[in-house]
N, C-alpha and C. Protein backbone atom coordinates (compact mmCIF):
# COMPACT_ATOMS: atom_id res chain seq x y z
N UNK A 1 0.82 -1.19 0.00
CA UNK A 1 0.00 0.00 0.00
C UNK A 1 0.87 1.26 0.00
N UNK A 2 1.96 1.19 0.71
CA UNK A 2 2.85 2.35 0.79
C UNK A 2 3.50 2.65 -0.56
N UNK A 3 3.76 1.62 -1.36
CA UNK A 3 4.36 1.83 -2.68
C UNK A 3 3.42 2.59 -3.59
N UNK A 4 2.15 2.26 -3.55
CA UNK A 4 1.16 2.96 -4.38
C UNK A 4 1.09 4.43 -3.98
N UNK A 5 1.09 4.69 -2.69
CA UNK A 5 1.06 6.07 -2.22
C UNK A 5 2.30 6.84 -2.67
N UNK A 6 3.44 6.20 -2.62
CA UNK A 6 4.69 6.83 -3.06
C UNK A 6 4.65 7.15 -4.55
N UNK A 7 4.19 6.21 -5.37
CA UNK A 7 4.08 6.44 -6.81
C UNK A 7 3.06 7.54 -7.12
N UNK A 8 1.99 7.58 -6.36
CA UNK A 8 0.97 8.60 -6.55
C UNK A 8 1.54 9.99 -6.25
N UNK A 9 2.27 10.11 -5.17
CA UNK A 9 2.86 11.40 -4.81
C UNK A 9 3.89 11.84 -5.85
N UNK A 10 4.72 10.92 -6.29
CA UNK A 10 5.74 11.26 -7.29
C UNK A 10 5.09 11.67 -8.61
N UNK A 11 4.07 10.97 -9.04
CA UNK A 11 3.42 11.31 -10.30
C UNK A 11 2.67 12.64 -10.20
N UNK A 12 2.04 12.92 -9.08
CA UNK A 12 1.38 14.21 -8.92
C UNK A 12 2.40 15.35 -8.87
N UNK A 13 3.53 15.11 -8.26
CA UNK A 13 4.60 16.11 -8.22
C UNK A 13 5.14 16.38 -9.62
N UNK A 14 5.34 15.33 -10.40
CA UNK A 14 5.83 15.50 -11.77
C UNK A 14 4.80 16.24 -12.62
N UNK A 15 3.53 15.93 -12.44
CA UNK A 15 2.48 16.64 -13.16
C UNK A 15 2.41 18.10 -12.79
N UNK A 16 2.60 18.40 -11.51
CA UNK A 16 2.59 19.79 -11.06
C UNK A 16 3.77 20.56 -11.64
N UNK A 17 4.91 19.92 -11.72
CA UNK A 17 6.08 20.58 -12.33
C UNK A 17 5.83 20.84 -13.82
N UNK A 18 5.25 19.87 -14.52
CA UNK A 18 4.93 20.07 -15.93
C UNK A 18 3.93 21.18 -16.13
N UNK A 19 2.92 21.23 -15.28
CA UNK A 19 1.93 22.30 -15.37
C UNK A 19 2.56 23.66 -15.08
N UNK A 20 3.46 23.71 -14.11
CA UNK A 20 4.14 24.97 -13.80
C UNK A 20 4.98 25.44 -14.98
N UNK A 21 5.71 24.53 -15.63
CA UNK A 21 6.49 24.91 -16.81
C UNK A 21 5.58 25.40 -17.93
N UNK A 22 4.47 24.72 -18.14
CA UNK A 22 3.54 25.14 -19.19
C UNK A 22 2.99 26.53 -18.90
N UNK A 23 2.53 26.77 -17.68
CA UNK A 23 1.97 28.07 -17.35
C UNK A 23 3.01 29.18 -17.43
N UNK A 24 4.23 28.89 -17.04
CA UNK A 24 5.30 29.89 -17.14
C UNK A 24 5.53 30.30 -18.59
N UNK A 25 5.65 29.32 -19.47
CA UNK A 25 5.91 29.64 -20.87
C UNK A 25 4.68 30.21 -21.56
N UNK A 26 3.50 29.83 -21.12
CA UNK A 26 2.28 30.40 -21.68
C UNK A 26 2.19 31.88 -21.35
N UNK A 27 2.55 32.24 -20.13
CA UNK A 27 2.51 33.65 -19.73
C UNK A 27 3.60 34.47 -20.40
N UNK A 28 4.70 33.84 -20.77
CA UNK A 28 5.79 34.53 -21.46
C UNK A 28 5.49 34.72 -22.94
N UNK A 29 4.42 34.08 -23.46
CA UNK A 29 4.04 34.26 -24.85
C UNK A 29 4.64 33.24 -25.80
N UNK A 30 5.10 32.14 -25.28
CA UNK A 30 5.73 31.11 -26.12
C UNK A 30 4.73 30.51 -27.12
N UNK A 31 3.47 30.42 -26.74
CA UNK A 31 2.47 29.75 -27.57
C UNK A 31 1.49 30.72 -28.21
N UNK A 32 1.86 31.99 -28.34
CA UNK A 32 0.90 32.99 -28.81
C UNK A 32 0.41 32.72 -30.22
N UNK A 33 1.27 32.80 -31.19
CA UNK A 33 0.82 32.63 -32.57
C UNK A 33 1.87 31.82 -33.31
N UNK A 34 1.64 30.55 -33.40
CA UNK A 34 2.64 29.67 -33.99
C UNK A 34 2.51 29.57 -35.51
N UNK A 35 1.37 29.89 -36.06
CA UNK A 35 1.15 29.75 -37.50
C UNK A 35 1.45 31.03 -38.27
N UNK A 36 1.40 32.17 -37.64
CA UNK A 36 1.52 33.44 -38.34
C UNK A 36 2.90 33.69 -38.96
N UNK A 37 4.00 33.37 -38.30
CA UNK A 37 5.30 33.72 -38.91
C UNK A 37 5.56 33.10 -40.27
N UNK A 38 5.05 31.91 -40.53
CA UNK A 38 5.32 31.32 -41.84
C UNK A 38 4.50 31.95 -42.96
N UNK A 39 3.46 32.71 -42.62
CA UNK A 39 2.66 33.38 -43.64
C UNK A 39 3.03 34.85 -43.80
N UNK A 40 3.93 35.37 -42.99
CA UNK A 40 4.31 36.78 -43.10
C UNK A 40 5.03 37.06 -44.41
N UNK A 41 5.65 36.07 -44.97
CA UNK A 41 6.36 36.24 -46.23
C UNK A 41 5.41 36.61 -47.37
N UNK A 42 4.18 36.12 -47.31
CA UNK A 42 3.24 36.31 -48.41
C UNK A 42 2.38 37.56 -48.27
N UNK A 43 2.52 38.29 -47.20
CA UNK A 43 1.73 39.50 -47.02
C UNK A 43 2.31 40.63 -47.85
N UNK A 44 1.46 41.50 -48.31
CA UNK A 44 1.89 42.60 -49.16
C UNK A 44 1.83 43.92 -48.40
N UNK A 45 2.40 43.97 -47.23
CA UNK A 45 2.39 45.19 -46.43
C UNK A 45 3.36 46.23 -46.98
N UNK A 46 4.38 45.80 -47.69
CA UNK A 46 5.37 46.74 -48.24
C UNK A 46 4.81 47.55 -49.40
N UNK A 47 3.76 47.09 -50.04
CA UNK A 47 3.18 47.80 -51.17
C UNK A 47 2.59 49.15 -50.76
N UNK A 48 2.15 49.28 -49.54
CA UNK A 48 1.56 50.53 -49.08
C UNK A 48 2.63 51.61 -48.91
N UNK A 49 3.87 51.25 -48.73
CA UNK A 49 4.94 52.22 -48.53
C UNK A 49 5.48 52.79 -49.84
N UNK A 50 5.22 52.15 -50.96
CA UNK A 50 5.72 52.60 -52.25
C UNK A 50 4.85 53.75 -52.76
N UNK A 51 5.43 54.93 -53.01
CA UNK A 51 4.62 56.05 -53.53
C UNK A 51 4.22 55.79 -54.98
N UNK A 52 3.00 56.16 -55.30
CA UNK A 52 2.48 55.95 -56.66
C UNK A 52 2.43 57.24 -57.44
């Protein structure tokens, strides 16, 4: 019975550490917009700066 309790505590501790790392990086903006940078190449924002 004591072994199960020990494994339970260790797994909950590991899960809490993983959650803490996720929340830290989420607040730092690591996961903000993962798809946008690869499409920035195709945007035509520079055309507005060219005088006509």
